[in-house]
Amino acid sequence: MTQTLTRMPESTWVDVCPLGRLLPDRGVCALVGGTQVAVFRTSGDALYAVSNWDPFGRAPVISRGLVGSVGVEPKVASPLLKHTFSLETGMCFEEPSVALDVYDVRVHDGMVQVSTA
């Protein structure tokens, strides 16, 4: 019996913007591997990246949402129908069966980067 090994693609990091241009509690939209990704910097300087697609409003608007928290968990509220999503897990607080995709994000040489894998 022959066994086939599947290799996971290596992460490719895509530059979004210099860290200084990403304002606290605001989002930006970036095209990462052909997908719109919403990138946020919180007032505590934590970075998060989630899908920019609002599954309820059916529009690419999450990057324009309001950043806040539910307890200690950071969240973003969609500007359309106000559904709120965890920036850590992507889960919708009002409809836990719905979630945004979550992406790895980092700062490298002063540049905010999002992973394609």
PDB file of N, CA and C in Angstrom:
ATOM      1  N   MET A   1       0.846  -1.172   0.000  1.00  0.00           N
ATOM      2  CA  MET A   1       0.000   0.000   0.000  1.00  0.00           C
ATOM      3  C   MET A   1       0.897   1.242   0.000  1.00  0.00           C
ATOM      4  N   THR A   2       0.635   2.154  -0.889  1.00  0.00           N
ATOM      5  CA  THR A   2       1.403   3.380  -0.995  1.00  0.00           C
ATOM      6  C   THR A   2       0.717   4.471  -0.198  1.00  0.00           C
ATOM      7  N   GLN A   3       1.500   5.197   0.549  1.00  0.00           N
ATOM      8  CA  GLN A   3       0.959   6.292   1.350  1.00  0.00           C
ATOM      9  C   GLN A   3       1.344   7.613   0.710  1.00  0.00           C
ATOM     10  N   THR A   4       0.369   8.485   0.531  1.00  0.00           N
ATOM     11  CA  THR A   4       0.619   9.791  -0.061  1.00  0.00           C
ATOM     12  C   THR A   4       0.709  10.829   1.049  1.00  0.00           C
ATOM     13  N   LEU A   5       1.780  11.580   1.040  1.00  0.00           N
ATOM     14  CA  LEU A   5       1.944  12.649   2.023  1.00  0.00           C
ATOM     15  C   LEU A   5       1.488  13.959   1.417  1.00  0.00           C
ATOM     16  N   THR A   6       0.690  14.669   2.157  1.00  0.00           N
ATOM     17  CA  THR A   6       0.230  15.981   1.704  1.00  0.00           C
ATOM     18  C   THR A   6       1.015  17.036   2.452  1.00  0.00           C
ATOM     19  N   ARG A   7       1.674  17.894   1.714  1.00  0.00           N
ATOM     20  CA  ARG A   7       2.436  18.967   2.351  1.00  0.00           C
ATOM     21  C   ARG A   7       1.550  20.189   2.502  1.00  0.00           C
ATOM     22  N   MET A   8       1.618  20.757   3.663  1.00  0.00           N
ATOM     23  CA  MET A   8       0.898  22.006   3.905  1.00  0.00           C
ATOM     24  C   MET A   8       1.686  23.127   3.235  1.00  0.00           C
ATOM     25  N   PRO A   9       0.990  24.065   2.583  1.00  0.00           N
ATOM     26  CA  PRO A   9       1.711  25.169   1.954  1.00  0.00           C
ATOM     27  C   PRO A   9       2.401  26.029   3.011  1.00  0.00           C
ATOM     28  N   GLU A  10       3.579  26.514   2.651  1.00  0.00           N
ATOM     29  CA  GLU A  10       4.270  27.405   3.573  1.00  0.00           C
ATOM     30  C   GLU A  10       3.540  28.728   3.649  1.00  0.00           C
ATOM     31  N   SER A  11       3.613  29.355   4.799  1.00  0.00           N
ATOM     32  CA  SER A  11       2.997  30.660   4.952  1.00  0.00           C
ATOM     33  C   SER A  11       3.730  31.684   4.111  1.00  0.00           C
ATOM     34  N   THR A  12       2.969  32.497   3.466  1.00  0.00           N
ATOM     35  CA  THR A  12       3.501  33.657   2.780  1.00  0.00           C
ATOM     36  C   THR A  12       2.939  34.867   3.499  1.00  0.00           C
ATOM     37  N   TRP A  13       3.800  35.755   3.880  1.00  0.00           N
ATOM     38  CA  TRP A  13       3.368  36.946   4.594  1.00  0.00           C
ATOM     39  C   TRP A  13       3.217  38.096   3.611  1.00  0.00           C
ATOM     40  N   VAL A  14       2.069  38.744   3.666  1.00  0.00           N
ATOM     41  CA  VAL A  14       1.747  39.843   2.768  1.00  0.00           C
ATOM     42  C   VAL A  14       1.775  41.151   3.554  1.00  0.00           C
ATOM     43  N   ASP A  15       2.530  42.129   3.046  1.00  0.00           N
ATOM     44  CA  ASP A  15       2.581  43.447   3.685  1.00  0.00           C
ATOM     45  C   ASP A  15       1.224  44.132   3.566  1.00  0.00           C
ATOM     46  N   VAL A  16       0.771  44.720   4.677  1.00  0.00           N
ATOM     47  CA  VAL A  16      -0.487  45.465   4.687  1.00  0.00           C
ATOM     48  C   VAL A  16      -0.204  46.961   4.738  1.00  0.00           C
ATOM     49  N   CYS A  17       0.534  47.385   5.765  1.00  0.00           N
ATOM     50  CA  CYS A  17       0.889  48.792   5.920  1.00  0.00           C
ATOM     51  C   CYS A  17       1.896  48.912   7.059  1.00  0.00           C
ATOM     52  N   PRO A  18       2.591  50.046   7.148  1.00  0.00           N
ATOM     53  CA  PRO A  18       3.453  50.257   8.315  1.00  0.00           C
ATOM     54  C   PRO A  18       2.592  50.297   9.583  1.00  0.00           C
ATOM     55  N   LEU A  19       3.105  49.774  10.678  1.00  0.00           N
ATOM     56  CA  LEU A  19       2.353  49.742  11.932  1.00  0.00           C
ATOM     57  C   LEU A  19       1.852  51.131  12.314  1.00  0.00           C
ATOM     58  N   GLY A  20       2.663  52.159  12.137  1.00  0.00           N
ATOM     59  CA  GLY A  20       2.270  53.519  12.508  1.00  0.00           C
ATOM     60  C   GLY A  20       1.079  54.063  11.746  1.00  0.00           C
ATOM     61  N   ARG A  21       0.751  53.470  10.606  1.00  0.00           N
ATOM     62  CA  ARG A  21      -0.395  53.928   9.812  1.00  0.00           C
ATOM     63  C   ARG A  21      -1.694  53.255  10.220  1.00  0.00           C
ATOM     64  N   LEU A  22      -1.592  52.201  11.033  1.00  0.00           N
ATOM     65  CA  LEU A  22      -2.780  51.492  11.505  1.00  0.00           C
ATOM     66  C   LEU A  22      -3.184  52.083  12.850  1.00  0.00           C
ATOM     67  N   LEU A  23      -4.221  52.888  12.832  1.00  0.00           N
ATOM     68  CA  LEU A  23      -4.652  53.600  14.028  1.00  0.00           C
ATOM     69  C   LEU A  23      -5.326  52.662  15.026  1.00  0.00           C
ATOM     70  N   PRO A  24      -5.109  52.893  16.333  1.00  0.00           N
ATOM     71  CA  PRO A  24      -5.762  52.065  17.347  1.00  0.00           C
ATOM     72  C   PRO A  24      -7.284  52.118  17.227  1.00  0.00           C
ATOM     73  N   ASP A  25      -7.901  50.955  17.400  1.00  0.00           N
ATOM     74  CA  ASP A  25      -9.355  50.776  17.354  1.00  0.00           C
ATOM     75  C   ASP A  25      -9.965  51.137  16.009  1.00  0.00           C
ATOM     76  N   ARG A  26      -9.168  50.980  14.964  1.00  0.00           N
ATOM     77  CA  ARG A  26      -9.629  51.188  13.587  1.00  0.00           C
ATOM     78  C   ARG A  26      -9.184  49.995  12.757  1.00  0.00           C
ATOM     79  N   GLY A  27      -9.844  49.803  11.640  1.00  0.00           N
ATOM     80  CA  GLY A  27      -9.493  48.715  10.754  1.00  0.00           C
ATOM     81  C   GLY A  27      -9.100  49.201   9.382  1.00  0.00           C
ATOM     82  N   VAL A  28      -8.402  48.359   8.665  1.00  0.00           N
ATOM     83  CA  VAL A  28      -8.091  48.591   7.253  1.00  0.00           C
ATOM     84  C   VAL A  28      -8.403  47.296   6.514  1.00  0.00           C
ATOM     85  N   CYS A  29      -8.668  47.419   5.231  1.00  0.00           N
ATOM     86  CA  CYS A  29      -8.894  46.257   4.394  1.00  0.00           C
ATOM     87  C   CYS A  29      -7.664  46.037   3.528  1.00  0.00           C
ATOM     88  N   ALA A  30      -7.254  44.782   3.414  1.00  0.00           N
ATOM     89  CA  ALA A  30      -6.100  44.430   2.578  1.00  0.00           C
ATOM     90  C   ALA A  30      -6.462  43.217   1.730  1.00  0.00           C
ATOM     91  N   LEU A  31      -5.908  43.173   0.536  1.00  0.00           N
ATOM     92  CA  LEU A  31      -6.084  42.014  -0.327  1.00  0.00           C
ATOM     93  C   LEU A  31      -4.939  41.042  -0.042  1.00  0.00           C
ATOM     94  N   VAL A  32      -5.285  39.875   0.486  1.00  0.00           N
ATOM     95  CA  VAL A  32      -4.290  38.883   0.891  1.00  0.00           C
ATOM     96  C   VAL A  32      -4.591  37.583   0.153  1.00  0.00           C
ATOM     97  N   GLY A  33      -3.739  37.243  -0.780  1.00  0.00           N
ATOM     98  CA  GLY A  33      -3.959  36.019  -1.545  1.00  0.00           C
ATOM     99  C   GLY A  33      -5.290  36.018  -2.276  1.00  0.00           C
ATOM    100  N   GLY A  34      -5.730  37.169  -2.734  1.00  0.00           N
ATOM    101  CA  GLY A  34      -6.986  37.277  -3.468  1.00  0.00           C
ATOM    102  C   GLY A  34      -8.220  37.398  -2.595  1.00  0.00           C
ATOM    103  N   THR A  35      -8.035  37.470  -1.285  1.00  0.00           N
ATOM    104  CA  THR A  35      -9.151  37.573  -0.339  1.00  0.00           C
ATOM    105  C   THR A  35      -9.068  38.886   0.428  1.00  0.00           C
ATOM    106  N   GLN A  36     -10.215  39.542   0.614  1.00  0.00           N
ATOM    107  CA  GLN A  36     -10.240  40.762   1.420  1.00  0.00           C
ATOM    108  C   GLN A  36     -10.164  40.389   2.902  1.00  0.00           C
ATOM    109  N   VAL A  37      -9.189  40.978   3.592  1.00  0.00           N
ATOM    110  CA  VAL A  37      -8.982  40.722   5.009  1.00  0.00           C
ATOM    111  C   VAL A  37      -9.062  42.050   5.757  1.00  0.00           C
ATOM    112  N   ALA A  38      -9.792  42.053   6.875  1.00  0.00           N
ATOM    113  CA  ALA A  38      -9.890  43.226   7.740  1.00  0.00           C
ATOM    114  C   ALA A  38      -8.827  43.102   8.824  1.00  0.00           C
ATOM    115  N   VAL A  39      -7.978  44.116   8.942  1.00  0.00           N
ATOM    116  CA  VAL A  39      -6.886  44.100   9.917  1.00  0.00           C
ATOM    117  C   VAL A  39      -7.144  45.199  10.935  1.00  0.00           C
ATOM    118  N   PHE A  40      -7.048  44.838  12.220  1.00  0.00           N
ATOM    119  CA  PHE A  40      -7.334  45.774  13.301  1.00  0.00           C
ATOM    120  C   PHE A  40      -6.163  45.865  14.262  1.00  0.00           C
ATOM    121  N   ARG A  41      -5.991  47.055  14.811  1.00  0.00           N
ATOM    122  CA  ARG A  41      -5.048  47.299  15.897  1.00  0.00           C
ATOM    123  C   ARG A  41      -5.873  47.856  17.049  1.00  0.00           C
ATOM    124  N   THR A  42      -5.804  47.206  18.207  1.00  0.00           N
ATOM    125  CA  THR A  42      -6.579  47.686  19.350  1.00  0.00           C
ATOM    126  C   THR A  42      -5.803  48.765  20.101  1.00  0.00           C
ATOM    127  N   SER A  43      -6.480  49.411  21.029  1.00  0.00           N
ATOM    128  CA  SER A  43      -5.814  50.457  21.814  1.00  0.00           C
ATOM    129  C   SER A  43      -4.691  49.884  22.668  1.00  0.00           C
ATOM    130  N   GLY A  44      -4.721  48.575  22.931  1.00  0.00           N
ATOM    131  CA  GLY A  44      -3.641  47.904  23.651  1.00  0.00           C
ATOM    132  C   GLY A  44      -2.538  47.411  22.735  1.00  0.00           C
ATOM    133  N   ASP A  45      -2.567  47.820  21.467  1.00  0.00           N
ATOM    134  CA  ASP A  45      -1.580  47.468  20.439  1.00  0.00           C
ATOM    135  C   ASP A  45      -1.605  46.004  20.008  1.00  0.00           C
ATOM    136  N   ALA A  46      -2.692  45.288  20.297  1.00  0.00           N
ATOM    137  CA  ALA A  46      -2.835  43.926  19.762  1.00  0.00           C
ATOM    138  C   ALA A  46      -3.317  44.018  18.316  1.00  0.00           C
ATOM    139  N   LEU A  47      -2.881  43.085  17.493  1.00  0.00           N
ATOM    140  CA  LEU A  47      -3.275  43.046  16.086  1.00  0.00           C
ATOM    141  C   LEU A  47      -4.151  41.824  15.825  1.00  0.00           C
ATOM    142  N   TYR A  48      -5.162  42.011  14.980  1.00  0.00           N
ATOM    143  CA  TYR A  48      -6.072  40.932  14.603  1.00  0.00           C
ATOM    144  C   TYR A  48      -6.380  41.052  13.123  1.00  0.00           C
ATOM    145  N   ALA A  49      -6.634  39.903  12.498  1.00  0.00           N
ATOM    146  CA  ALA A  49      -7.018  39.887  11.089  1.00  0.00           C
ATOM    147  C   ALA A  49      -8.139  38.860  10.902  1.00  0.00           C
ATOM    148  N   VAL A  50      -9.236  39.316  10.321  1.00  0.00           N
ATOM    149  CA  VAL A  50     -10.400  38.469  10.064  1.00  0.00           C
ATOM    150  C   VAL A  50     -10.907  38.744   8.651  1.00  0.00           C
ATOM    151  N   SER A  51     -11.783  37.899   8.182  1.00  0.00           N
ATOM    152  CA  SER A  51     -12.396  38.113   6.877  1.00  0.00           C
ATOM    153  C   SER A  51     -13.117  39.455   6.848  1.00  0.00           C
ATOM    154  N   ASN A  52     -13.048  40.148   5.744  1.00  0.00           N
ATOM    155  CA  ASN A  52     -13.742  41.430   5.600  1.00  0.00           C
ATOM    156  C   ASN A  52     -15.204  41.243   5.199  1.00  0.00           C
ATOM    157  N   TRP A  53     -15.616  40.023   4.892  1.00  0.00           N
ATOM    158  CA  TRP A  53     -16.966  39.735   4.417  1.00  0.00           C
ATOM    159  C   TRP A  53     -17.943  39.593   5.578  1.00  0.00           C
ATOM    160  N   ASP A  54     -18.976  40.429   5.594  1.00  0.00           N
ATOM    161  CA  ASP A  54     -20.043  40.342   6.597  1.00  0.00           C
ATOM    162  C   ASP A  54     -21.042  39.300   6.105  1.00  0.00           C
ATOM    163  N   PRO A  55     -21.151  38.154   6.787  1.00  0.00           N
ATOM    164  CA  PRO A  55     -22.041  37.096   6.314  1.00  0.00           C
ATOM    165  C   PRO A  55     -23.525  37.435   6.456  1.00  0.00           C
ATOM    166  N   PHE A  56     -23.866  38.400   7.278  1.00  0.00           N
ATOM    167  CA  PHE A  56     -25.268  38.787   7.453  1.00  0.00           C
ATOM    168  C   PHE A  56     -25.649  39.917   6.494  1.00  0.00           C
ATOM    169  N   GLY A  57     -24.828  40.937   6.401  1.00  0.00           N
ATOM    170  CA  GLY A  57     -25.081  42.053   5.495  1.00  0.00           C
ATOM    171  C   GLY A  57     -24.692  41.732   4.060  1.00  0.00           C
ATOM    172  N   ARG A  58     -23.946  40.627   3.882  1.00  0.00           N
ATOM    173  CA  ARG A  58     -23.504  40.141   2.577  1.00  0.00           C
ATOM    174  C   ARG A  58     -22.761  41.217   1.786  1.00  0.00           C
ATOM    175  N   ALA A  59     -21.779  41.818   2.481  1.00  0.00           N
ATOM    176  CA  ALA A  59     -20.963  42.874   1.869  1.00  0.00           C
ATOM    177  C   ALA A  59     -19.591  42.894   2.538  1.00  0.00           C
ATOM    178  N   PRO A  60     -18.561  43.353   1.823  1.00  0.00           N
ATOM    179  CA  PRO A  60     -17.203  43.417   2.383  1.00  0.00           C
ATOM    180  C   PRO A  60     -16.996  44.707   3.197  1.00  0.00           C
ATOM    181  N   VAL A  61     -17.444  44.697   4.460  1.00  0.00           N
ATOM    182  CA  VAL A  61     -17.460  45.931   5.256  1.00  0.00           C
ATOM    183  C   VAL A  61     -16.883  45.802   6.662  1.00  0.00           C
ATOM    184  N   ILE A  62     -16.444  44.632   7.072  1.00  0.00           N
ATOM    185  CA  ILE A  62     -16.016  44.430   8.468  1.00  0.00           C
ATOM    186  C   ILE A  62     -14.900  45.390   8.867  1.00  0.00           C
ATOM    187  N   SER A  63     -14.010  45.732   7.941  1.00  0.00           N
ATOM    188  CA  SER A  63     -12.896  46.637   8.270  1.00  0.00           C
ATOM    189  C   SER A  63     -13.382  48.021   8.701  1.00  0.00           C
ATOM    190  N   ARG A  64     -14.625  48.359   8.396  1.00  0.00           N
ATOM    191  CA  ARG A  64     -15.186  49.656   8.795  1.00  0.00           C
ATOM    192  C   ARG A  64     -16.022  49.560  10.065  1.00  0.00           C
ATOM    193  N   GLY A  65     -15.960  48.397  10.727  1.00  0.00           N
ATOM    194  CA  GLY A  65     -16.755  48.176  11.928  1.00  0.00           C
ATOM    195  C   GLY A  65     -16.192  48.871  13.151  1.00  0.00           C
ATOM    196  N   LEU A  66     -17.010  48.881  14.198  1.00  0.00           N
ATOM    197  CA  LEU A  66     -16.631  49.500  15.477  1.00  0.00           C
ATOM    198  C   LEU A  66     -15.932  48.464  16.352  1.00  0.00           C
ATOM    199  N   VAL A  67     -14.755  48.817  16.855  1.00  0.00           N
ATOM    200  CA  VAL A  67     -13.962  47.926  17.702  1.00  0.00           C
ATOM    201  C   VAL A  67     -14.307  48.180  19.163  1.00  0.00           C
ATOM    202  N   GLY A  68     -14.443  47.111  19.916  1.00  0.00           N
ATOM    203  CA  GLY A  68     -14.740  47.209  21.345  1.00  0.00           C
ATOM    204  C   GLY A  68     -14.369  45.899  22.003  1.00  0.00           C
ATOM    205  N   SER A  69     -15.119  45.538  23.049  1.00  0.00           N
ATOM    206  CA  SER A  69     -14.851  44.268  23.716  1.00  0.00           C
ATOM    207  C   SER A  69     -16.118  43.745  24.367  1.00  0.00           C
ATOM    208  N   VAL A  70     -16.139  42.443  24.560  1.00  0.00           N
ATOM    209  CA  VAL A  70     -17.160  41.766  25.343  1.00  0.00           C
ATOM    210  C   VAL A  70     -16.376  41.177  26.503  1.00  0.00           C
ATOM    211  N   GLY A  71     -16.466  41.806  27.663  1.00  0.00           N
ATOM    212  CA  GLY A  71     -15.590  41.437  28.770  1.00  0.00           C
ATOM    213  C   GLY A  71     -14.175  41.810  28.388  1.00  0.00           C
ATOM    214  N   VAL A  72     -13.281  40.821  28.357  1.00  0.00           N
ATOM    215  CA  VAL A  72     -11.899  41.084  27.953  1.00  0.00           C
ATOM    216  C   VAL A  72     -11.635  40.658  26.509  1.00  0.00           C
ATOM    217  N   GLU A  73     -12.647  40.086  25.847  1.00  0.00           N
ATOM    218  CA  GLU A  73     -12.461  39.602  24.480  1.00  0.00           C
ATOM    219  C   GLU A  73     -12.705  40.725  23.468  1.00  0.00           C
ATOM    220  N   PRO A  74     -11.720  41.014  22.613  1.00  0.00           N
ATOM    221  CA  PRO A  74     -11.886  42.075  21.624  1.00  0.00           C
ATOM    222  C   PRO A  74     -12.895  41.668  20.554  1.00  0.00           C
ATOM    223  N   LYS A  75     -13.666  42.640  20.099  1.00  0.00           N
ATOM    224  CA  LYS A  75     -14.701  42.363  19.106  1.00  0.00           C
ATOM    225  C   LYS A  75     -14.780  43.483  18.093  1.00  0.00           C
ATOM    226  N   VAL A  76     -15.470  43.191  16.987  1.00  0.00           N
ATOM    227  CA  VAL A  76     -15.793  44.205  16.000  1.00  0.00           C
ATOM    228  C   VAL A  76     -17.283  44.066  15.691  1.00  0.00           C
ATOM    229  N   ALA A  77     -17.964  45.203  15.579  1.00  0.00           N
ATOM    230  CA  ALA A  77     -19.377  45.222  15.220  1.00  0.00           C
ATOM    231  C   ALA A  77     -19.498  45.642  13.763  1.00  0.00           C
ATOM    232  N   SER A  78     -20.219  44.855  12.995  1.00  0.00           N
ATOM    233  CA  SER A  78     -20.417  45.182  11.589  1.00  0.00           C
ATOM    234  C   SER A  78     -21.134  46.521  11.460  1.00  0.00           C
ATOM    235  N   PRO A  79     -20.707  47.357  10.502  1.00  0.00           N
ATOM    236  CA  PRO A  79     -21.377  48.639  10.330  1.00  0.00           C
ATOM    237  C   PRO A  79     -22.764  48.505   9.693  1.00  0.00           C
ATOM    238  N   LEU A  80     -23.100  47.333   9.179  1.00  0.00           N
ATOM    239  CA  LEU A  80     -24.397  47.175   8.521  1.00  0.00           C
ATOM    240  C   LEU A  80     -25.502  46.783   9.496  1.00  0.00           C
ATOM    241  N   LEU A  81     -25.481  45.550   9.967  1.00  0.00           N
ATOM    242  CA  LEU A  81     -26.559  45.055  10.819  1.00  0.00           C
ATOM    243  C   LEU A  81     -26.151  44.935  12.286  1.00  0.00           C
ATOM    244  N   LYS A  82     -24.941  45.396  12.599  1.00  0.00           N
ATOM    245  CA  LYS A  82     -24.418  45.482  13.968  1.00  0.00           C
ATOM    246  C   LYS A  82     -24.151  44.142  14.646  1.00  0.00           C
ATOM    247  N   HIS A  83     -24.065  43.051  13.894  1.00  0.00           N
ATOM    248  CA  HIS A  83     -23.642  41.791  14.496  1.00  0.00           C
ATOM    249  C   HIS A  83     -22.205  41.960  14.980  1.00  0.00           C
ATOM    250  N   THR A  84     -21.885  41.351  16.113  1.00  0.00           N
ATOM    251  CA  THR A  84     -20.541  41.486  16.658  1.00  0.00           C
ATOM    252  C   THR A  84     -19.792  40.158  16.552  1.00  0.00           C
ATOM    253  N   PHE A  85     -18.490  40.281  16.248  1.00  0.00           N
ATOM    254  CA  PHE A  85     -17.638  39.122  16.022  1.00  0.00           C
ATOM    255  C   PHE A  85     -16.398  39.220  16.892  1.00  0.00           C
ATOM    256  N   SER A  86     -15.975  38.089  17.443  1.00  0.00           N
ATOM    257  CA  SER A  86     -14.729  38.026  18.204  1.00  0.00           C
ATOM    258  C   SER A  86     -13.570  38.245  17.246  1.00  0.00           C
ATOM    259  N   LEU A  87     -12.651  39.124  17.613  1.00  0.00           N
ATOM    260  CA  LEU A  87     -11.449  39.306  16.803  1.00  0.00           C
ATOM    261  C   LEU A  87     -10.452  38.175  17.029  1.00  0.00           C
ATOM    262  N   GLU A  88     -10.621  37.419  18.107  1.00  0.00           N
ATOM    263  CA  GLU A  88      -9.721  36.294  18.389  1.00  0.00           C
ATOM    264  C   GLU A  88     -10.143  35.023  17.675  1.00  0.00           C
ATOM    265  N   THR A  89     -11.435  34.728  17.651  1.00  0.00           N
ATOM    266  CA  THR A  89     -11.924  33.466  17.088  1.00  0.00           C
ATOM    267  C   THR A  89     -12.761  33.643  15.831  1.00  0.00           C
ATOM    268  N   GLY A  90     -13.264  34.856  15.579  1.00  0.00           N
ATOM    269  CA  GLY A  90     -14.145  35.112  14.450  1.00  0.00           C
ATOM    270  C   GLY A  90     -15.603  34.809  14.732  1.00  0.00           C
ATOM    271  N   MET A  91     -15.902  34.163  15.865  1.00  0.00           N
ATOM    272  CA  MET A  91     -17.265  33.758  16.186  1.00  0.00           C
ATOM    273  C   MET A  91     -18.198  34.959  16.355  1.00  0.00           C
ATOM    274  N   CYS A  92     -19.411  34.810  15.823  1.00  0.00           N
ATOM    275  CA  CYS A  92     -20.432  35.838  16.003  1.00  0.00           C
ATOM    276  C   CYS A  92     -21.065  35.653  17.379  1.00  0.00           C
ATOM    277  N   PHE A  93     -21.129  36.718  18.168  1.00  0.00           N
ATOM    278  CA  PHE A  93     -21.691  36.620  19.521  1.00  0.00           C
ATOM    279  C   PHE A  93     -23.197  36.386  19.493  1.00  0.00           C
ATOM    280  N   GLU A  94     -23.888  36.918  18.498  1.00  0.00           N
ATOM    281  CA  GLU A  94     -25.345  36.761  18.425  1.00  0.00           C
ATOM    282  C   GLU A  94     -25.754  35.421  17.795  1.00  0.00           C
ATOM    283  N   GLU A  95     -24.937  34.907  16.908  1.00  0.00           N
ATOM    284  CA  GLU A  95     -25.194  33.639  16.195  1.00  0.00           C
ATOM    285  C   GLU A  95     -23.921  32.792  16.228  1.00  0.00           C
ATOM    286  N   PRO A  96     -23.651  32.063  17.315  1.00  0.00           N
ATOM    287  CA  PRO A  96     -22.392  31.323  17.452  1.00  0.00           C
ATOM    288  C   PRO A  96     -22.103  30.311  16.350  1.00  0.00           C
ATOM    289  N   SER A  97     -23.100  29.935  15.556  1.00  0.00           N
ATOM    290  CA  SER A  97     -22.857  28.990  14.464  1.00  0.00           C
ATOM    291  C   SER A  97     -22.210  29.667  13.253  1.00  0.00           C
ATOM    292  N   VAL A  98     -22.102  31.004  13.293  1.00  0.00           N
ATOM    293  CA  VAL A  98     -21.511  31.772  12.197  1.00  0.00           C
ATOM    294  C   VAL A  98     -20.194  32.371  12.682  1.00  0.00           C
ATOM    295  N   ALA A  99     -19.168  32.310  11.832  1.00  0.00           N
ATOM    296  CA  ALA A  99     -17.872  32.872  12.218  1.00  0.00           C
ATOM    297  C   ALA A  99     -17.153  33.435  11.001  1.00  0.00           C
ATOM    298  N   LEU A 100     -16.347  34.440  11.235  1.00  0.00           N
ATOM    299  CA  LEU A 100     -15.460  34.987  10.219  1.00  0.00           C
ATOM    300  C   LEU A 100     -14.185  34.152  10.196  1.00  0.00           C
ATOM    301  N   ASP A 101     -13.550  34.070   9.039  1.00  0.00           N
ATOM    302  CA  ASP A 101     -12.230  33.444   8.979  1.00  0.00           C
ATOM    303  C   ASP A 101     -11.249  34.319   9.746  1.00  0.00           C
ATOM    304  N   VAL A 102     -10.290  33.693  10.414  1.00  0.00           N
ATOM    305  CA  VAL A 102      -9.272  34.389  11.198  1.00  0.00           C
ATOM    306  C   VAL A 102      -7.911  34.113  10.557  1.00  0.00           C
ATOM    307  N   TYR A 103      -7.068  35.139  10.493  1.00  0.00           N
ATOM    308  CA  TYR A 103      -5.752  35.038   9.855  1.00  0.00           C
ATOM    309  C   TYR A 103      -4.656  35.392  10.849  1.00  0.00           C
ATOM    310  N   ASP A 104      -3.485  34.778  10.666  1.00  0.00           N
ATOM    311  CA  ASP A 104      -2.321  35.151  11.462  1.00  0.00           C
ATOM    312  C   ASP A 104      -1.852  36.526  11.009  1.00  0.00           C
ATOM    313  N   VAL A 105      -1.449  37.337  11.974  1.00  0.00           N
ATOM    314  CA  VAL A 105      -0.971  38.691  11.683  1.00  0.00           C
ATOM    315  C   VAL A 105       0.246  38.952  12.557  1.00  0.00           C
ATOM    316  N   ARG A 106       1.187  39.726  12.037  1.00  0.00           N
ATOM    317  CA  ARG A 106       2.407  40.033  12.784  1.00  0.00           C
ATOM    318  C   ARG A 106       2.954  41.378  12.320  1.00  0.00           C
ATOM    319  N   VAL A 107       3.949  41.856  13.070  1.00  0.00           N
ATOM    320  CA  VAL A 107       4.717  43.026  12.653  1.00  0.00           C
ATOM    321  C   VAL A 107       6.134  42.538  12.371  1.00  0.00           C
ATOM    322  N   HIS A 108       6.625  42.844  11.176  1.00  0.00           N
ATOM    323  CA  HIS A 108       7.979  42.450  10.777  1.00  0.00           C
ATOM    324  C   HIS A 108       8.664  43.677  10.192  1.00  0.00           C
ATOM    325  N   ASP A 109       9.765  44.081  10.814  1.00  0.00           N
ATOM    326  CA  ASP A 109      10.493  45.281  10.377  1.00  0.00           C
ATOM    327  C   ASP A 109       9.585  46.498  10.269  1.00  0.00           C
ATOM    328  N   GLY A 110       8.666  46.635  11.239  1.00  0.00           N
ATOM    329  CA  GLY A 110       7.773  47.787  11.284  1.00  0.00           C
ATOM    330  C   GLY A 110       6.577  47.710  10.362  1.00  0.00           C
ATOM    331  N   MET A 111       6.450  46.599   9.608  1.00  0.00           N
ATOM    332  CA  MET A 111       5.357  46.443   8.650  1.00  0.00           C
ATOM    333  C   MET A 111       4.352  45.413   9.181  1.00  0.00           C
ATOM    334  N   VAL A 112       3.059  45.776   9.165  1.00  0.00           N
ATOM    335  CA  VAL A 112       2.014  44.823   9.522  1.00  0.00           C
ATOM    336  C   VAL A 112       1.873  43.840   8.364  1.00  0.00           C
ATOM    337  N   GLN A 113       1.886  42.548   8.685  1.00  0.00           N
ATOM    338  CA  GLN A 113       1.789  41.506   7.671  1.00  0.00           C
ATOM    339  C   GLN A 113       0.722  40.490   8.056  1.00  0.00           C
ATOM    340  N   VAL A 114       0.055  39.936   7.041  1.00  0.00           N
ATOM    341  CA  VAL A 114      -0.957  38.903   7.237  1.00  0.00           C
ATOM    342  C   VAL A 114      -0.515  37.661   6.469  1.00  0.00           C
ATOM    343  N   SER A 115      -0.724  36.499   7.080  1.00  0.00           N
ATOM    344  CA  SER A 115      -0.328  35.231   6.467  1.00  0.00           C
ATOM    345  C   SER A 115      -1.394  34.746   5.496  1.00  0.00           C
ATOM    346  N   THR A 116      -0.950  34.138   4.399  1.00  0.00           N
ATOM    347  CA  THR A 116      -1.875  33.560   3.427  1.00  0.00           C
ATOM    348  C   THR A 116      -2.248  32.130   3.767  1.00  0.00           C
ATOM    349  N   ALA A 117      -1.551  31.499   4.701  1.00  0.00           N
ATOM    350  CA  ALA A 117      -1.843  30.092   5.029  1.00  0.00           C
ATOM    351  C   ALA A 117      -2.564  29.980   6.360  1.00  0.00           C
TER     352      ALA A 117
END
